[in-house]
Amino acid sequence: MVEPAQYSLFDNECKKNVSSLLNEFAKELKNISGKCMDIGSGPGDITKEILLPFLDPNATMIGIDIMEKMVKYANETYGDGKRLKFEVLDIQTKSLPEKYISKFDHIFSFHTLQWCNDIR
């Protein structure tokens, strides 16, 4: 099983890719406020340190990940309970909990959807 703290230490290539992409759209991203979701947030470092600073200060973010261990680490390390929190969710579920249906203004995902078999 992947250890969240170690994963964070070695995800430099992912961080570089996300930073590059977000820099390309920085002007548009600064206008994003409201409720946002980051699918596949892992240990939360990219969500907190890279994605969130690009958004309007009023934007709130829920990072989701399938791995409970990652979510626990993310909440303990980066979550603040107000602007940023993390929850366990399998994005491939066929019965999405009501609290996620049509509740978000913007959804991000950087290194996750390629691992999904069926995301209809």
PDB file of N, CA and C in Angstrom:
ATOM      1  N   MET A   1       0.833  -1.180   0.000  1.00  0.00           N
ATOM      2  CA  MET A   1       0.000   0.000   0.000  1.00  0.00           C
ATOM      3  C   MET A   1       0.884   1.252   0.000  1.00  0.00           C
ATOM      4  N   VAL A   2       0.441   2.273  -0.655  1.00  0.00           N
ATOM      5  CA  VAL A   2       1.169   3.527  -0.772  1.00  0.00           C
ATOM      6  C   VAL A   2       1.082   4.308   0.543  1.00  0.00           C
ATOM      7  N   GLU A   3       2.225   4.791   1.003  1.00  0.00           N
ATOM      8  CA  GLU A   3       2.272   5.642   2.194  1.00  0.00           C
ATOM      9  C   GLU A   3       2.125   7.101   1.750  1.00  0.00           C
ATOM     10  N   PRO A   4       1.119   7.808   2.248  1.00  0.00           N
ATOM     11  CA  PRO A   4       0.855   9.176   1.795  1.00  0.00           C
ATOM     12  C   PRO A   4       2.039  10.133   1.909  1.00  0.00           C
ATOM     13  N   ALA A   5       2.737  10.116   3.023  1.00  0.00           N
ATOM     14  CA  ALA A   5       3.864  11.045   3.203  1.00  0.00           C
ATOM     15  C   ALA A   5       4.963  10.772   2.184  1.00  0.00           C
ATOM     16  N   GLN A   6       5.241   9.508   1.928  1.00  0.00           N
ATOM     17  CA  GLN A   6       6.265   9.155   0.932  1.00  0.00           C
ATOM     18  C   GLN A   6       5.806   9.519  -0.469  1.00  0.00           C
ATOM     19  N   TYR A   7       4.522   9.285  -0.749  1.00  0.00           N
ATOM     20  CA  TYR A   7       3.969   9.647  -2.051  1.00  0.00           C
ATOM     21  C   TYR A   7       4.196  11.138  -2.309  1.00  0.00           C
ATOM     22  N   SER A   8       3.941  11.958  -1.293  1.00  0.00           N
ATOM     23  CA  SER A   8       4.128  13.408  -1.424  1.00  0.00           C
ATOM     24  C   SER A   8       5.573  13.776  -1.724  1.00  0.00           C
ATOM     25  N   LEU A   9       6.492  13.027  -1.173  1.00  0.00           N
ATOM     26  CA  LEU A   9       7.908  13.319  -1.394  1.00  0.00           C
ATOM     27  C   LEU A   9       8.356  13.042  -2.823  1.00  0.00           C
ATOM     28  N   PHE A  10       7.672  12.105  -3.477  1.00  0.00           N
ATOM     29  CA  PHE A  10       8.119  11.668  -4.796  1.00  0.00           C
ATOM     30  C   PHE A  10       7.150  11.994  -5.929  1.00  0.00           C
ATOM     31  N   ASP A  11       6.226  12.938  -5.715  1.00  0.00           N
ATOM     32  CA  ASP A  11       5.293  13.292  -6.785  1.00  0.00           C
ATOM     33  C   ASP A  11       5.687  14.600  -7.478  1.00  0.00           C
ATOM     34  N   ASN A  12       6.983  14.843  -7.556  1.00  0.00           N
ATOM     35  CA  ASN A  12       7.481  16.086  -8.154  1.00  0.00           C
ATOM     36  C   ASN A  12       7.099  16.245  -9.622  1.00  0.00           C
ATOM     37  N   GLU A  13       7.093  15.165 -10.367  1.00  0.00           N
ATOM     38  CA  GLU A  13       6.709  15.238 -11.782  1.00  0.00           C
ATOM     39  C   GLU A  13       5.238  15.629 -11.910  1.00  0.00           C
ATOM     40  N   CYS A  14       4.399  15.055 -11.062  1.00  0.00           N
ATOM     41  CA  CYS A  14       2.974  15.420 -11.054  1.00  0.00           C
ATOM     42  C   CYS A  14       2.807  16.894 -10.707  1.00  0.00           C
ATOM     43  N   LYS A  15       3.528  17.346  -9.701  1.00  0.00           N
ATOM     44  CA  LYS A  15       3.448  18.755  -9.292  1.00  0.00           C
ATOM     45  C   LYS A  15       3.867  19.674 -10.436  1.00  0.00           C
ATOM     46  N   LYS A  16       4.918  19.299 -11.125  1.00  0.00           N
ATOM     47  CA  LYS A  16       5.408  20.103 -12.246  1.00  0.00           C
ATOM     48  C   LYS A  16       4.360  20.165 -13.360  1.00  0.00           C
ATOM     49  N   ASN A  17       3.744  19.032 -13.677  1.00  0.00           N
ATOM     50  CA  ASN A  17       2.727  18.985 -14.726  1.00  0.00           C
ATOM     51  C   ASN A  17       1.509  19.835 -14.374  1.00  0.00           C
ATOM     52  N   VAL A  18       1.037  19.705 -13.147  1.00  0.00           N
ATOM     53  CA  VAL A  18      -0.138  20.468 -12.715  1.00  0.00           C
ATOM     54  C   VAL A  18       0.180  21.961 -12.702  1.00  0.00           C
ATOM     55  N   SER A  19       1.323  22.332 -12.178  1.00  0.00           N
ATOM     56  CA  SER A  19       1.725  23.749 -12.150  1.00  0.00           C
ATOM     57  C   SER A  19       1.778  24.335 -13.553  1.00  0.00           C
ATOM     58  N   SER A  20       2.345  23.592 -14.472  1.00  0.00           N
ATOM     59  CA  SER A  20       2.447  24.053 -15.853  1.00  0.00           C
ATOM     60  C   SER A  20       1.064  24.275 -16.463  1.00  0.00           C
ATOM     61  N   LEU A  21       0.178  23.329 -16.264  1.00  0.00           N
ATOM     62  CA  LEU A  21      -1.183  23.435 -16.794  1.00  0.00           C
ATOM     63  C   LEU A  21      -1.922  24.619 -16.176  1.00  0.00           C
ATOM     64  N   LEU A  22      -1.848  24.747 -14.865  1.00  0.00           N
ATOM     65  CA  LEU A  22      -2.554  25.831 -14.191  1.00  0.00           C
ATOM     66  C   LEU A  22      -1.986  27.196 -14.559  1.00  0.00           C
ATOM     67  N   ASN A  23      -0.690  27.284 -14.740  1.00  0.00           N
ATOM     68  CA  ASN A  23      -0.086  28.551 -15.175  1.00  0.00           C
ATOM     69  C   ASN A  23      -0.624  28.989 -16.528  1.00  0.00           C
ATOM     70  N   GLU A  24      -0.889  28.019 -17.383  1.00  0.00           N
ATOM     71  CA  GLU A  24      -1.427  28.316 -18.711  1.00  0.00           C
ATOM     72  C   GLU A  24      -2.806  28.970 -18.627  1.00  0.00           C
ATOM     73  N   PHE A  25      -3.578  28.623 -17.596  1.00  0.00           N
ATOM     74  CA  PHE A  25      -4.940  29.131 -17.450  1.00  0.00           C
ATOM     75  C   PHE A  25      -5.105  30.017 -16.211  1.00  0.00           C
ATOM     76  N   ALA A  26      -4.017  30.580 -15.731  1.00  0.00           N
ATOM     77  CA  ALA A  26      -4.030  31.353 -14.480  1.00  0.00           C
ATOM     78  C   ALA A  26      -5.048  32.492 -14.492  1.00  0.00           C
ATOM     79  N   LYS A  27      -5.150  33.190 -15.604  1.00  0.00           N
ATOM     80  CA  LYS A  27      -6.073  34.331 -15.693  1.00  0.00           C
ATOM     81  C   LYS A  27      -7.518  33.885 -15.473  1.00  0.00           C
ATOM     82  N   GLU A  28      -7.894  32.774 -16.070  1.00  0.00           N
ATOM     83  CA  GLU A  28      -9.255  32.264 -15.922  1.00  0.00           C
ATOM     84  C   GLU A  28      -9.486  31.666 -14.533  1.00  0.00           C
ATOM     85  N   LEU A  29      -8.482  30.985 -14.017  1.00  0.00           N
ATOM     86  CA  LEU A  29      -8.624  30.297 -12.732  1.00  0.00           C
ATOM     87  C   LEU A  29      -8.840  31.257 -11.570  1.00  0.00           C
ATOM     88  N   LYS A  30      -8.268  32.451 -11.639  1.00  0.00           N
ATOM     89  CA  LYS A  30      -8.409  33.389 -10.521  1.00  0.00           C
ATOM     90  C   LYS A  30      -9.854  33.836 -10.326  1.00  0.00           C
ATOM     91  N   ASN A  31     -10.701  33.616 -11.333  1.00  0.00           N
ATOM     92  CA  ASN A  31     -12.115  33.977 -11.242  1.00  0.00           C
ATOM     93  C   ASN A  31     -12.990  32.834 -10.751  1.00  0.00           C
ATOM     94  N   ILE A  32     -12.389  31.687 -10.500  1.00  0.00           N
ATOM     95  CA  ILE A  32     -13.167  30.533 -10.043  1.00  0.00           C
ATOM     96  C   ILE A  32     -13.378  30.620  -8.540  1.00  0.00           C
ATOM     97  N   SER A  33     -14.650  30.720  -8.175  1.00  0.00           N
ATOM     98  CA  SER A  33     -15.021  30.707  -6.762  1.00  0.00           C
ATOM     99  C   SER A  33     -16.122  29.669  -6.605  1.00  0.00           C
ATOM    100  N   GLY A  34     -16.757  29.633  -5.474  1.00  0.00           N
ATOM    101  CA  GLY A  34     -17.806  28.649  -5.255  1.00  0.00           C
ATOM    102  C   GLY A  34     -17.238  27.341  -4.759  1.00  0.00           C
ATOM    103  N   LYS A  35     -18.035  26.301  -4.914  1.00  0.00           N
ATOM    104  CA  LYS A  35     -17.682  24.985  -4.386  1.00  0.00           C
ATOM    105  C   LYS A  35     -16.987  24.165  -5.477  1.00  0.00           C
ATOM    106  N   CYS A  36     -15.784  23.696  -5.173  1.00  0.00           N
ATOM    107  CA  CYS A  36     -14.974  22.949  -6.135  1.00  0.00           C
ATOM    108  C   CYS A  36     -14.641  21.561  -5.595  1.00  0.00           C
ATOM    109  N   MET A  37     -14.347  20.654  -6.513  1.00  0.00           N
ATOM    110  CA  MET A  37     -13.936  19.297  -6.157  1.00  0.00           C
ATOM    111  C   MET A  37     -12.667  18.957  -6.922  1.00  0.00           C
ATOM    112  N   ASP A  38     -11.760  18.272  -6.237  1.00  0.00           N
ATOM    113  CA  ASP A  38     -10.561  17.739  -6.886  1.00  0.00           C
ATOM    114  C   ASP A  38     -10.641  16.222  -6.805  1.00  0.00           C
ATOM    115  N   ILE A  39     -10.861  15.573  -7.937  1.00  0.00           N
ATOM    116  CA  ILE A  39     -10.991  14.117  -7.998  1.00  0.00           C
ATOM    117  C   ILE A  39      -9.601  13.491  -8.013  1.00  0.00           C
ATOM    118  N   GLY A  40      -9.370  12.576  -7.087  1.00  0.00           N
ATOM    119  CA  GLY A  40      -8.081  11.904  -7.001  1.00  0.00           C
ATOM    120  C   GLY A  40      -7.036  12.769  -6.330  1.00  0.00           C
ATOM    121  N   SER A  41      -7.410  13.382  -5.235  1.00  0.00           N
ATOM    122  CA  SER A  41      -6.525  14.341  -4.558  1.00  0.00           C
ATOM    123  C   SER A  41      -5.364  13.695  -3.817  1.00  0.00           C
ATOM    124  N   GLY A  42      -5.381  12.384  -3.666  1.00  0.00           N
ATOM    125  CA  GLY A  42      -4.265  11.690  -3.024  1.00  0.00           C
ATOM    126  C   GLY A  42      -3.943  12.263  -1.659  1.00  0.00           C
ATOM    127  N   PRO A  43      -2.662  12.539  -1.386  1.00  0.00           N
ATOM    128  CA  PRO A  43      -2.274  13.037  -0.064  1.00  0.00           C
ATOM    129  C   PRO A  43      -2.615  14.508   0.170  1.00  0.00           C
ATOM    130  N   GLY A  44      -3.148  15.191  -0.833  1.00  0.00           N
ATOM    131  CA  GLY A  44      -3.634  16.557  -0.665  1.00  0.00           C
ATOM    132  C   GLY A  44      -2.636  17.663  -0.935  1.00  0.00           C
ATOM    133  N   ASP A  45      -1.390  17.319  -1.172  1.00  0.00           N
ATOM    134  CA  ASP A  45      -0.365  18.346  -1.356  1.00  0.00           C
ATOM    135  C   ASP A  45      -0.584  19.191  -2.603  1.00  0.00           C
ATOM    136  N   ILE A  46      -0.920  18.567  -3.706  1.00  0.00           N
ATOM    137  CA  ILE A  46      -1.144  19.314  -4.944  1.00  0.00           C
ATOM    138  C   ILE A  46      -2.396  20.175  -4.823  1.00  0.00           C
ATOM    139  N   THR A  47      -3.433  19.628  -4.216  1.00  0.00           N
ATOM    140  CA  THR A  47      -4.676  20.380  -4.030  1.00  0.00           C
ATOM    141  C   THR A  47      -4.421  21.637  -3.209  1.00  0.00           C
ATOM    142  N   LYS A  48      -3.746  21.489  -2.092  1.00  0.00           N
ATOM    143  CA  LYS A  48      -3.512  22.607  -1.167  1.00  0.00           C
ATOM    144  C   LYS A  48      -2.441  23.574  -1.661  1.00  0.00           C
ATOM    145  N   GLU A  49      -1.318  23.059  -2.083  1.00  0.00           N
ATOM    146  CA  GLU A  49      -0.161  23.909  -2.381  1.00  0.00           C
ATOM    147  C   GLU A  49      -0.138  24.468  -3.798  1.00  0.00           C
ATOM    148  N   ILE A  50      -0.822  23.789  -4.723  1.00  0.00           N
ATOM    149  CA  ILE A  50      -0.745  24.226  -6.119  1.00  0.00           C
ATOM    150  C   ILE A  50      -2.103  24.687  -6.650  1.00  0.00           C
ATOM    151  N   LEU A  51      -3.127  23.848  -6.573  1.00  0.00           N
ATOM    152  CA  LEU A  51      -4.431  24.192  -7.150  1.00  0.00           C
ATOM    153  C   LEU A  51      -5.118  25.335  -6.410  1.00  0.00           C
ATOM    154  N   LEU A  52      -5.298  25.203  -5.120  1.00  0.00           N
ATOM    155  CA  LEU A  52      -6.065  26.188  -4.352  1.00  0.00           C
ATOM    156  C   LEU A  52      -5.533  27.619  -4.479  1.00  0.00           C
ATOM    157  N   PRO A  53      -4.228  27.854  -4.464  1.00  0.00           N
ATOM    158  CA  PRO A  53      -3.732  29.231  -4.609  1.00  0.00           C
ATOM    159  C   PRO A  53      -4.063  29.895  -5.950  1.00  0.00           C
ATOM    160  N   PHE A  54      -4.357  29.113  -6.982  1.00  0.00           N
ATOM    161  CA  PHE A  54      -4.721  29.681  -8.280  1.00  0.00           C
ATOM    162  C   PHE A  54      -6.153  30.204  -8.298  1.00  0.00           C
ATOM    163  N   LEU A  55      -6.985  29.723  -7.377  1.00  0.00           N
ATOM    164  CA  LEU A  55      -8.407  30.054  -7.381  1.00  0.00           C
ATOM    165  C   LEU A  55      -8.694  31.306  -6.562  1.00  0.00           C
ATOM    166  N   ASP A  56      -9.887  31.858  -6.774  1.00  0.00           N
ATOM    167  CA  ASP A  56     -10.363  32.981  -5.974  1.00  0.00           C
ATOM    168  C   ASP A  56     -10.307  32.602  -4.492  1.00  0.00           C
ATOM    169  N   PRO A  57      -9.944  33.525  -3.618  1.00  0.00           N
ATOM    170  CA  PRO A  57      -9.863  33.215  -2.184  1.00  0.00           C
ATOM    171  C   PRO A  57     -11.179  32.737  -1.567  1.00  0.00           C
ATOM    172  N   ASN A  58     -12.302  32.996  -2.236  1.00  0.00           N
ATOM    173  CA  ASN A  58     -13.597  32.544  -1.727  1.00  0.00           C
ATOM    174  C   ASN A  58     -13.956  31.127  -2.167  1.00  0.00           C
ATOM    175  N   ALA A  59     -13.154  30.537  -3.022  1.00  0.00           N
ATOM    176  CA  ALA A  59     -13.420  29.163  -3.470  1.00  0.00           C
ATOM    177  C   ALA A  59     -13.202  28.196  -2.311  1.00  0.00           C
ATOM    178  N   THR A  60     -14.083  27.204  -2.228  1.00  0.00           N
ATOM    179  CA  THR A  60     -13.897  26.117  -1.267  1.00  0.00           C
ATOM    180  C   THR A  60     -13.635  24.848  -2.056  1.00  0.00           C
ATOM    181  N   MET A  61     -12.948  23.897  -1.441  1.00  0.00           N
ATOM    182  CA  MET A  61     -12.523  22.700  -2.164  1.00  0.00           C
ATOM    183  C   MET A  61     -12.739  21.458  -1.321  1.00  0.00           C
ATOM    184  N   ILE A  62     -13.278  20.436  -1.970  1.00  0.00           N
ATOM    185  CA  ILE A  62     -13.323  19.099  -1.387  1.00  0.00           C
ATOM    186  C   ILE A  62     -12.458  18.221  -2.274  1.00  0.00           C
ATOM    187  N   GLY A  63     -11.433  17.646  -1.692  1.00  0.00           N
ATOM    188  CA  GLY A  63     -10.598  16.690  -2.403  1.00  0.00           C
ATOM    189  C   GLY A  63     -11.129  15.300  -2.118  1.00  0.00           C
ATOM    190  N   ILE A  64     -11.282  14.495  -3.154  1.00  0.00           N
ATOM    191  CA  ILE A  64     -11.761  13.127  -2.946  1.00  0.00           C
ATOM    192  C   ILE A  64     -10.724  12.137  -3.453  1.00  0.00           C
ATOM    193  N   ASP A  65     -10.691  11.006  -2.784  1.00  0.00           N
ATOM    194  CA  ASP A  65      -9.782   9.940  -3.174  1.00  0.00           C
ATOM    195  C   ASP A  65     -10.385   8.623  -2.721  1.00  0.00           C
ATOM    196  N   ILE A  66     -10.058   7.557  -3.408  1.00  0.00           N
ATOM    197  CA  ILE A  66     -10.575   6.237  -3.086  1.00  0.00           C
ATOM    198  C   ILE A  66      -9.873   5.625  -1.871  1.00  0.00           C
ATOM    199  N   MET A  67      -8.654   6.081  -1.593  1.00  0.00           N
ATOM    200  CA  MET A  67      -7.857   5.485  -0.518  1.00  0.00           C
ATOM    201  C   MET A  67      -8.062   6.217   0.811  1.00  0.00           C
ATOM    202  N   GLU A  68      -8.650   5.514   1.766  1.00  0.00           N
ATOM    203  CA  GLU A  68      -8.939   6.103   3.073  1.00  0.00           C
ATOM    204  C   GLU A  68      -7.675   6.640   3.752  1.00  0.00           C
ATOM    205  N   LYS A  69      -6.584   5.924   3.598  1.00  0.00           N
ATOM    206  CA  LYS A  69      -5.316   6.336   4.215  1.00  0.00           C
ATOM    207  C   LYS A  69      -4.841   7.684   3.662  1.00  0.00           C
ATOM    208  N   MET A  70      -5.016   7.891   2.362  1.00  0.00           N
ATOM    209  CA  MET A  70      -4.642   9.163   1.740  1.00  0.00           C
ATOM    210  C   MET A  70      -5.518  10.296   2.270  1.00  0.00           C
ATOM    211  N   VAL A  71      -6.808  10.033   2.364  1.00  0.00           N
ATOM    212  CA  VAL A  71      -7.755  11.051   2.817  1.00  0.00           C
ATOM    213  C   VAL A  71      -7.487  11.440   4.266  1.00  0.00           C
ATOM    214  N   LYS A  72      -7.217  10.457   5.092  1.00  0.00           N
ATOM    215  CA  LYS A  72      -6.901  10.736   6.504  1.00  0.00           C
ATOM    216  C   LYS A  72      -5.658  11.623   6.595  1.00  0.00           C
ATOM    217  N   TYR A  73      -4.622  11.268   5.867  1.00  0.00           N
ATOM    218  CA  TYR A  73      -3.384  12.054   5.849  1.00  0.00           C
ATOM    219  C   TYR A  73      -3.654  13.468   5.322  1.00  0.00           C
ATOM    220  N   ALA A  74      -4.414  13.569   4.242  1.00  0.00           N
ATOM    221  CA  ALA A  74      -4.705  14.873   3.639  1.00  0.00           C
ATOM    222  C   ALA A  74      -5.440  15.785   4.618  1.00  0.00           C
ATOM    223  N   ASN A  75      -6.433  15.243   5.316  1.00  0.00           N
ATOM    224  CA  ASN A  75      -7.163  16.052   6.293  1.00  0.00           C
ATOM    225  C   ASN A  75      -6.274  16.483   7.447  1.00  0.00           C
ATOM    226  N   GLU A  76      -5.451  15.570   7.926  1.00  0.00           N
ATOM    227  CA  GLU A  76      -4.565  15.890   9.052  1.00  0.00           C
ATOM    228  C   GLU A  76      -3.480  16.895   8.661  1.00  0.00           C
ATOM    229  N   THR A  77      -3.013  16.816   7.430  1.00  0.00           N
ATOM    230  CA  THR A  77      -1.885  17.630   6.995  1.00  0.00           C
ATOM    231  C   THR A  77      -2.304  18.936   6.322  1.00  0.00           C
ATOM    232  N   TYR A  78      -3.364  18.903   5.515  1.00  0.00           N
ATOM    233  CA  TYR A  78      -3.726  20.062   4.704  1.00  0.00           C
ATOM    234  C   TYR A  78      -5.142  20.586   4.923  1.00  0.00           C
ATOM    235  N   GLY A  79      -6.025  19.772   5.439  1.00  0.00           N
ATOM    236  CA  GLY A  79      -7.408  20.200   5.610  1.00  0.00           C
ATOM    237  C   GLY A  79      -7.549  21.245   6.701  1.00  0.00           C
ATOM    238  N   ASP A  80      -8.470  22.170   6.487  1.00  0.00           N
ATOM    239  CA  ASP A  80      -8.730  23.175   7.513  1.00  0.00           C
ATOM    240  C   ASP A  80     -10.194  23.161   7.955  1.00  0.00           C
ATOM    241  N   GLY A  81     -10.999  22.278   7.341  1.00  0.00           N
ATOM    242  CA  GLY A  81     -12.395  22.153   7.725  1.00  0.00           C
ATOM    243  C   GLY A  81     -13.301  23.248   7.203  1.00  0.00           C
ATOM    244  N   LYS A  82     -12.730  24.303   6.654  1.00  0.00           N
ATOM    245  CA  LYS A  82     -13.528  25.411   6.131  1.00  0.00           C
ATOM    246  C   LYS A  82     -13.363  25.524   4.623  1.00  0.00           C
ATOM    247  N   ARG A  83     -12.176  25.926   4.207  1.00  0.00           N
ATOM    248  CA  ARG A  83     -11.931  26.107   2.775  1.00  0.00           C
ATOM    249  C   ARG A  83     -11.526  24.808   2.091  1.00  0.00           C
ATOM    250  N   LEU A  84     -10.894  23.913   2.834  1.00  0.00           N
ATOM    251  CA  LEU A  84     -10.381  22.680   2.238  1.00  0.00           C
ATOM    252  C   LEU A  84     -10.597  21.494   3.163  1.00  0.00           C
ATOM    253  N   LYS A  85     -11.251  20.467   2.617  1.00  0.00           N
ATOM    254  CA  LYS A  85     -11.393  19.202   3.339  1.00  0.00           C
ATOM    255  C   LYS A  85     -11.328  18.068   2.329  1.00  0.00           C
ATOM    256  N   PHE A  86     -11.132  16.876   2.846  1.00  0.00           N
ATOM    257  CA  PHE A  86     -10.953  15.702   1.997  1.00  0.00           C
ATOM    258  C   PHE A  86     -11.913  14.611   2.443  1.00  0.00           C
ATOM    259  N   GLU A  87     -12.443  13.864   1.460  1.00  0.00           N
ATOM    260  CA  GLU A  87     -13.392  12.794   1.737  1.00  0.00           C
ATOM    261  C   GLU A  87     -13.074  11.578   0.880  1.00  0.00           C
ATOM    262  N   VAL A  88     -13.450  10.411   1.390  1.00  0.00           N
ATOM    263  CA  VAL A  88     -13.278   9.161   0.648  1.00  0.00           C
ATOM    264  C   VAL A  88     -14.447   9.010  -0.321  1.00  0.00           C
ATOM    265  N   LEU A  89     -14.132   8.754  -1.584  1.00  0.00           N
ATOM    266  CA  LEU A  89     -15.158   8.492  -2.588  1.00  0.00           C
ATOM    267  C   LEU A  89     -14.528   7.728  -3.747  1.00  0.00           C
ATOM    268  N   ASP A  90     -15.199   6.681  -4.175  1.00  0.00           N
ATOM    269  CA  ASP A  90     -14.813   5.964  -5.391  1.00  0.00           C
ATOM    270  C   ASP A  90     -15.576   6.612  -6.535  1.00  0.00           C
ATOM    271  N   ILE A  91     -14.900   7.340  -7.368  1.00  0.00           N
ATOM    272  CA  ILE A  91     -15.542   8.092  -8.443  1.00  0.00           C
ATOM    273  C   ILE A  91     -16.237   7.176  -9.456  1.00  0.00           C
ATOM    274  N   GLN A  92     -15.910   5.887  -9.448  1.00  0.00           N
ATOM    275  CA  GLN A  92     -16.534   4.939 -10.371  1.00  0.00           C
ATOM    276  C   GLN A  92     -17.841   4.354  -9.839  1.00  0.00           C
ATOM    277  N   THR A  93     -18.257   4.750  -8.648  1.00  0.00           N
ATOM    278  CA  THR A  93     -19.465   4.189  -8.066  1.00  0.00           C
ATOM    279  C   THR A  93     -20.675   4.416  -8.969  1.00  0.00           C
ATOM    280  N   LYS A  94     -21.553   3.454  -8.998  1.00  0.00           N
ATOM    281  CA  LYS A  94     -22.780   3.573  -9.798  1.00  0.00           C
ATOM    282  C   LYS A  94     -23.880   4.288  -9.025  1.00  0.00           C
ATOM    283  N   SER A  95     -23.683   4.441  -7.720  1.00  0.00           N
ATOM    284  CA  SER A  95     -24.685   5.132  -6.904  1.00  0.00           C
ATOM    285  C   SER A  95     -23.999   6.255  -6.118  1.00  0.00           C
ATOM    286  N   LEU A  96     -23.793   7.358  -6.796  1.00  0.00           N
ATOM    287  CA  LEU A  96     -23.134   8.511  -6.205  1.00  0.00           C
ATOM    288  C   LEU A  96     -23.992   9.060  -5.070  1.00  0.00           C
ATOM    289  N   PRO A  97     -23.411   9.266  -3.897  1.00  0.00           N
ATOM    290  CA  PRO A  97     -24.186   9.830  -2.787  1.00  0.00           C
ATOM    291  C   PRO A  97     -24.797  11.181  -3.161  1.00  0.00           C
ATOM    292  N   GLU A  98     -25.996  11.426  -2.682  1.00  0.00           N
ATOM    293  CA  GLU A  98     -26.752  12.643  -2.989  1.00  0.00           C
ATOM    294  C   GLU A  98     -25.943  13.919  -2.739  1.00  0.00           C
ATOM    295  N   LYS A  99     -25.109  13.907  -1.704  1.00  0.00           N
ATOM    296  CA  LYS A  99     -24.373  15.129  -1.358  1.00  0.00           C
ATOM    297  C   LYS A  99     -23.365  15.553  -2.429  1.00  0.00           C
ATOM    298  N   TYR A 100     -23.117  14.696  -3.413  1.00  0.00           N
ATOM    299  CA  TYR A 100     -22.187  15.032  -4.488  1.00  0.00           C
ATOM    300  C   TYR A 100     -22.892  15.377  -5.805  1.00  0.00           C
ATOM    301  N   ILE A 101     -24.171  15.095  -5.909  1.00  0.00           N
ATOM    302  CA  ILE A 101     -24.889  15.280  -7.174  1.00  0.00           C
ATOM    303  C   ILE A 101     -25.274  16.747  -7.357  1.00  0.00           C
ATOM    304  N   SER A 102     -24.778  17.346  -8.417  1.00  0.00           N
ATOM    305  CA  SER A 102     -25.069  18.740  -8.784  1.00  0.00           C
ATOM    306  C   SER A 102     -24.786  19.729  -7.657  1.00  0.00           C
ATOM    307  N   LYS A 103     -23.754  19.491  -6.884  1.00  0.00           N
ATOM    308  CA  LYS A 103     -23.430  20.360  -5.745  1.00  0.00           C
ATOM    309  C   LYS A 103     -22.154  21.174  -5.957  1.00  0.00           C
ATOM    310  N   PHE A 104     -21.498  21.006  -7.108  1.00  0.00           N
ATOM    311  CA  PHE A 104     -20.205  21.655  -7.320  1.00  0.00           C
ATOM    312  C   PHE A 104     -20.243  22.584  -8.524  1.00  0.00           C
ATOM    313  N   ASP A 105     -19.556  23.706  -8.380  1.00  0.00           N
ATOM    314  CA  ASP A 105     -19.467  24.674  -9.468  1.00  0.00           C
ATOM    315  C   ASP A 105     -18.348  24.320 -10.443  1.00  0.00           C
ATOM    316  N   HIS A 106     -17.288  23.694  -9.926  1.00  0.00           N
ATOM    317  CA  HIS A 106     -16.127  23.350 -10.750  1.00  0.00           C
ATOM    318  C   HIS A 106     -15.517  22.055 -10.235  1.00  0.00           C
ATOM    319  N   ILE A 107     -15.085  21.211 -11.172  1.00  0.00           N
ATOM    320  CA  ILE A 107     -14.451  19.943 -10.804  1.00  0.00           C
ATOM    321  C   ILE A 107     -13.117  19.839 -11.535  1.00  0.00           C
ATOM    322  N   PHE A 108     -12.095  19.441 -10.783  1.00  0.00           N
ATOM    323  CA  PHE A 108     -10.750  19.267 -11.323  1.00  0.00           C
ATOM    324  C   PHE A 108     -10.325  17.816 -11.151  1.00  0.00           C
ATOM    325  N   SER A 109      -9.497  17.344 -12.053  1.00  0.00           N
ATOM    326  CA  SER A 109      -8.860  16.035 -11.918  1.00  0.00           C
ATOM    327  C   SER A 109      -7.619  16.054 -12.796  1.00  0.00           C
ATOM    328  N   PHE A 110      -6.496  15.689 -12.216  1.00  0.00           N
ATOM    329  CA  PHE A 110      -5.248  15.800 -12.959  1.00  0.00           C
ATOM    330  C   PHE A 110      -4.606  14.457 -13.305  1.00  0.00           C
ATOM    331  N   HIS A 111      -4.557  13.536 -12.385  1.00  0.00           N
ATOM    332  CA  HIS A 111      -3.858  12.269 -12.625  1.00  0.00           C
ATOM    333  C   HIS A 111      -4.690  11.087 -12.143  1.00  0.00           C
ATOM    334  N   THR A 112      -5.978  11.070 -12.474  1.00  0.00           N
ATOM    335  CA  THR A 112      -6.861  10.039 -11.933  1.00  0.00           C
ATOM    336  C   THR A 112      -7.715   9.338 -12.977  1.00  0.00           C
ATOM    337  N   LEU A 113      -8.336  10.088 -13.843  1.00  0.00           N
ATOM    338  CA  LEU A 113      -9.357   9.504 -14.719  1.00  0.00           C
ATOM    339  C   LEU A 113      -8.825   8.393 -15.615  1.00  0.00           C
ATOM    340  N   GLN A 114      -7.539   8.401 -15.911  1.00  0.00           N
ATOM    341  CA  GLN A 114      -6.979   7.335 -16.744  1.00  0.00           C
ATOM    342  C   GLN A 114      -7.002   5.988 -16.028  1.00  0.00           C
ATOM    343  N   TRP A 115      -7.153   5.975 -14.704  1.00  0.00           N
ATOM    344  CA  TRP A 115      -7.206   4.731 -13.934  1.00  0.00           C
ATOM    345  C   TRP A 115      -8.628   4.180 -13.837  1.00  0.00           C
ATOM    346  N   CYS A 116      -9.615   4.943 -14.269  1.00  0.00           N
ATOM    347  CA  CYS A 116     -11.017   4.519 -14.167  1.00  0.00           C
ATOM    348  C   CYS A 116     -11.394   3.642 -15.352  1.00  0.00           C
ATOM    349  N   ASN A 117     -12.103   2.571 -15.055  1.00  0.00           N
ATOM    350  CA  ASN A 117     -12.556   1.659 -16.106  1.00  0.00           C
ATOM    351  C   ASN A 117     -13.855   2.121 -16.746  1.00  0.00           C
ATOM    352  N   ASP A 118     -14.755   2.654 -15.944  1.00  0.00           N
ATOM    353  CA  ASP A 118     -16.071   3.044 -16.443  1.00  0.00           C
ATOM    354  C   ASP A 118     -16.525   4.271 -15.664  1.00  0.00           C
ATOM    355  N   ILE A 119     -16.505   5.432 -16.302  1.00  0.00           N
ATOM    356  CA  ILE A 119     -16.873   6.656 -15.598  1.00  0.00           C
ATOM    357  C   ILE A 119     -18.136   7.299 -16.166  1.00  0.00           C
ATOM    358  N   ARG A 120     -19.038   6.506 -16.651  1.00  0.00           N
ATOM    359  CA  ARG A 120     -20.297   7.043 -17.160  1.00  0.00           C
ATOM    360  C   ARG A 120     -21.198   7.487 -16.072  1.00  0.00           C
TER     361      ARG A 120
END
